[in-house]
N, C-alpha and C. Protein backbone atom coordinates (compact mmCIF):
# COMPACT_ATOMS: atom_id res chain seq x y z
N MET A 1 -92.38 -60.84 41.90
CA MET A 1 -94.40 -61.14 41.76
C MET A 1 -93.89 -62.48 41.76
N GLN A 2 -93.28 -63.58 40.99
CA GLN A 2 -93.45 -64.87 40.83
C GLN A 2 -92.45 -65.56 42.14
N TYR A 3 -91.57 -64.73 42.92
CA TYR A 3 -91.60 -65.38 44.43
C TYR A 3 -92.35 -65.17 45.57
N LEU A 4 -92.99 -64.75 45.36
CA LEU A 4 -94.38 -63.84 46.08
C LEU A 4 -95.32 -64.99 46.80
N GLU A 5 -95.58 -64.86 45.23
CA GLU A 5 -96.77 -66.12 44.61
C GLU A 5 -96.23 -67.85 44.92
N LYS A 6 -95.42 -67.83 44.94
CA LYS A 6 -94.74 -69.18 45.10
C LYS A 6 -94.52 -69.08 46.63
N VAL A 7 -94.11 -68.32 47.38
CA VAL A 7 -94.13 -67.86 49.31
C VAL A 7 -96.16 -68.51 49.39
N ILE A 8 -96.81 -67.69 48.95
CA ILE A 8 -97.77 -68.38 49.38
C ILE A 8 -98.62 -69.09 49.01
N ILE A 9 -98.05 -69.94 47.55
CA ILE A 9 -98.44 -71.28 47.91
C ILE A 9 -97.75 -72.30 48.72
N ILE A 10 -96.60 -71.75 49.34
CA ILE A 10 -95.74 -72.87 49.97
C ILE A 10 -96.55 -72.89 51.73
N ARG A 11 -97.10 -71.80 51.65
CA ARG A 11 -96.97 -71.14 53.25
C ARG A 11 -99.53 -72.02 53.14
N ALA A 12 -99.55 -71.79 52.32
CA ALA A 12 -101.03 -72.35 52.10
C ALA A 12 -100.81 -74.21 52.13
N LEU A 13 -100.03 -74.73 51.53
CA LEU A 13 -99.92 -76.26 51.61
C LEU A 13 -99.38 -76.53 52.61
N VAL A 14 -98.71 -75.76 53.34
CA VAL A 14 -97.89 -76.02 54.82
C VAL A 14 -99.59 -75.80 56.29
N HIS A 15 -100.19 -75.01 55.82
CA HIS A 15 -101.24 -74.83 56.58
C HIS A 15 -102.11 -75.99 56.20
N HIS A 16 -102.11 -76.37 54.76
CA HIS A 16 -102.84 -77.37 55.11
C HIS A 16 -102.54 -78.94 55.02
N GLU A 17 -101.15 -78.64 55.47
CA GLU A 17 -100.32 -79.90 55.49
C GLU A 17 -100.50 -81.34 54.20
N GLY A 18 -99.88 -80.16 53.14
CA GLY A 18 -100.01 -80.37 51.85
C GLY A 18 -100.92 -81.00 51.18
N ASN A 19 -102.34 -80.91 51.77
CA ASN A 19 -103.16 -80.64 50.70
C ASN A 19 -103.44 -79.88 49.44
N GLN A 20 -103.53 -80.04 48.48
CA GLN A 20 -103.47 -79.24 47.26
C GLN A 20 -104.94 -78.99 47.21
N LYS A 21 -106.11 -79.66 47.32
CA LYS A 21 -106.90 -79.17 47.08
C LYS A 21 -107.60 -78.11 48.18
N LYS A 22 -107.15 -78.02 49.31
CA LYS A 22 -107.68 -77.45 50.43
C LYS A 22 -106.56 -76.14 50.23
N ALA A 23 -105.46 -76.17 49.60
CA ALA A 23 -104.39 -74.57 49.35
C ALA A 23 -105.23 -74.42 48.47
N ALA A 24 -105.95 -75.02 47.47
CA ALA A 24 -106.26 -73.82 46.23
C ALA A 24 -107.57 -73.45 46.70
N LYS A 25 -108.51 -73.77 47.67
CA LYS A 25 -109.55 -73.52 47.83
C LYS A 25 -109.35 -72.08 49.11
N THR A 26 -108.96 -72.24 49.26
CA THR A 26 -108.09 -71.40 50.28
C THR A 26 -107.49 -70.30 49.30
N LEU A 27 -106.40 -70.47 48.75
CA LEU A 27 -106.31 -69.27 48.12
C LEU A 27 -107.18 -68.46 46.74
N GLY A 28 -108.07 -69.40 46.17
CA GLY A 28 -109.32 -68.69 45.83
C GLY A 28 -109.21 -69.81 43.89
N LEU A 29 -108.07 -70.85 44.42
CA LEU A 29 -107.58 -71.22 43.24
C LEU A 29 -108.44 -72.33 42.74
N ASN A 30 -108.48 -73.24 41.41
CA ASN A 30 -108.90 -74.27 41.56
C ASN A 30 -107.63 -75.37 41.24
N TYR A 31 -108.35 -76.76 41.63
CA TYR A 31 -106.82 -77.66 41.64
C TYR A 31 -106.06 -77.47 40.70
N THR A 32 -106.28 -77.81 39.65
CA THR A 32 -105.63 -77.51 38.19
C THR A 32 -104.68 -76.32 38.61
N THR A 33 -104.99 -74.95 38.42
CA THR A 33 -104.43 -74.09 38.86
C THR A 33 -102.97 -74.07 39.37
N ILE A 34 -103.45 -74.95 41.14
CA ILE A 34 -102.58 -74.85 42.04
C ILE A 34 -101.66 -75.78 41.67
N ASN A 35 -102.43 -76.98 41.22
CA ASN A 35 -100.91 -78.32 40.72
C ASN A 35 -99.82 -77.44 39.04
N GLY A 36 -100.27 -76.93 38.77
CA GLY A 36 -99.82 -76.20 37.93
C GLY A 36 -98.47 -75.62 38.01
N LYS A 37 -98.86 -74.91 39.19
CA LYS A 37 -98.17 -73.01 39.80
C LYS A 37 -97.17 -74.04 40.75
N ILE A 38 -97.05 -75.17 40.81
CA ILE A 38 -96.46 -76.32 42.24
C ILE A 38 -95.55 -76.74 41.41
N LYS A 39 -95.46 -77.45 39.91
CA LYS A 39 -95.28 -77.48 39.19
C LYS A 39 -94.20 -76.90 38.26
N LYS A 40 -94.85 -75.54 38.05
CA LYS A 40 -93.67 -74.56 37.86
C LYS A 40 -93.10 -73.96 38.44
N TYR A 41 -93.11 -73.57 39.96
CA TYR A 41 -92.09 -73.43 40.60
C TYR A 41 -91.67 -74.50 41.51
N LYS A 42 -91.61 -75.57 41.09
CA LYS A 42 -90.50 -76.98 41.42
C LYS A 42 -91.19 -76.96 42.99
N ILE A 43 -91.98 -76.91 43.38
CA ILE A 43 -92.41 -77.30 44.52
C ILE A 43 -92.32 -78.85 45.47
N LYS A 44 -92.12 -79.50 45.88
CA LYS A 44 -91.93 -80.59 46.68
C LYS A 44 -93.01 -80.51 47.90
């Protein structure tokens, strides 16, 4: 399940050209949550 979450976050970030706020909004998350998940999954 974590792999899928990571892939979804990466796809949202790619779609929004790395803009975390826009990616978070698309996924229905707040900025703090997506930022924590990016660190958790070591997404660059």
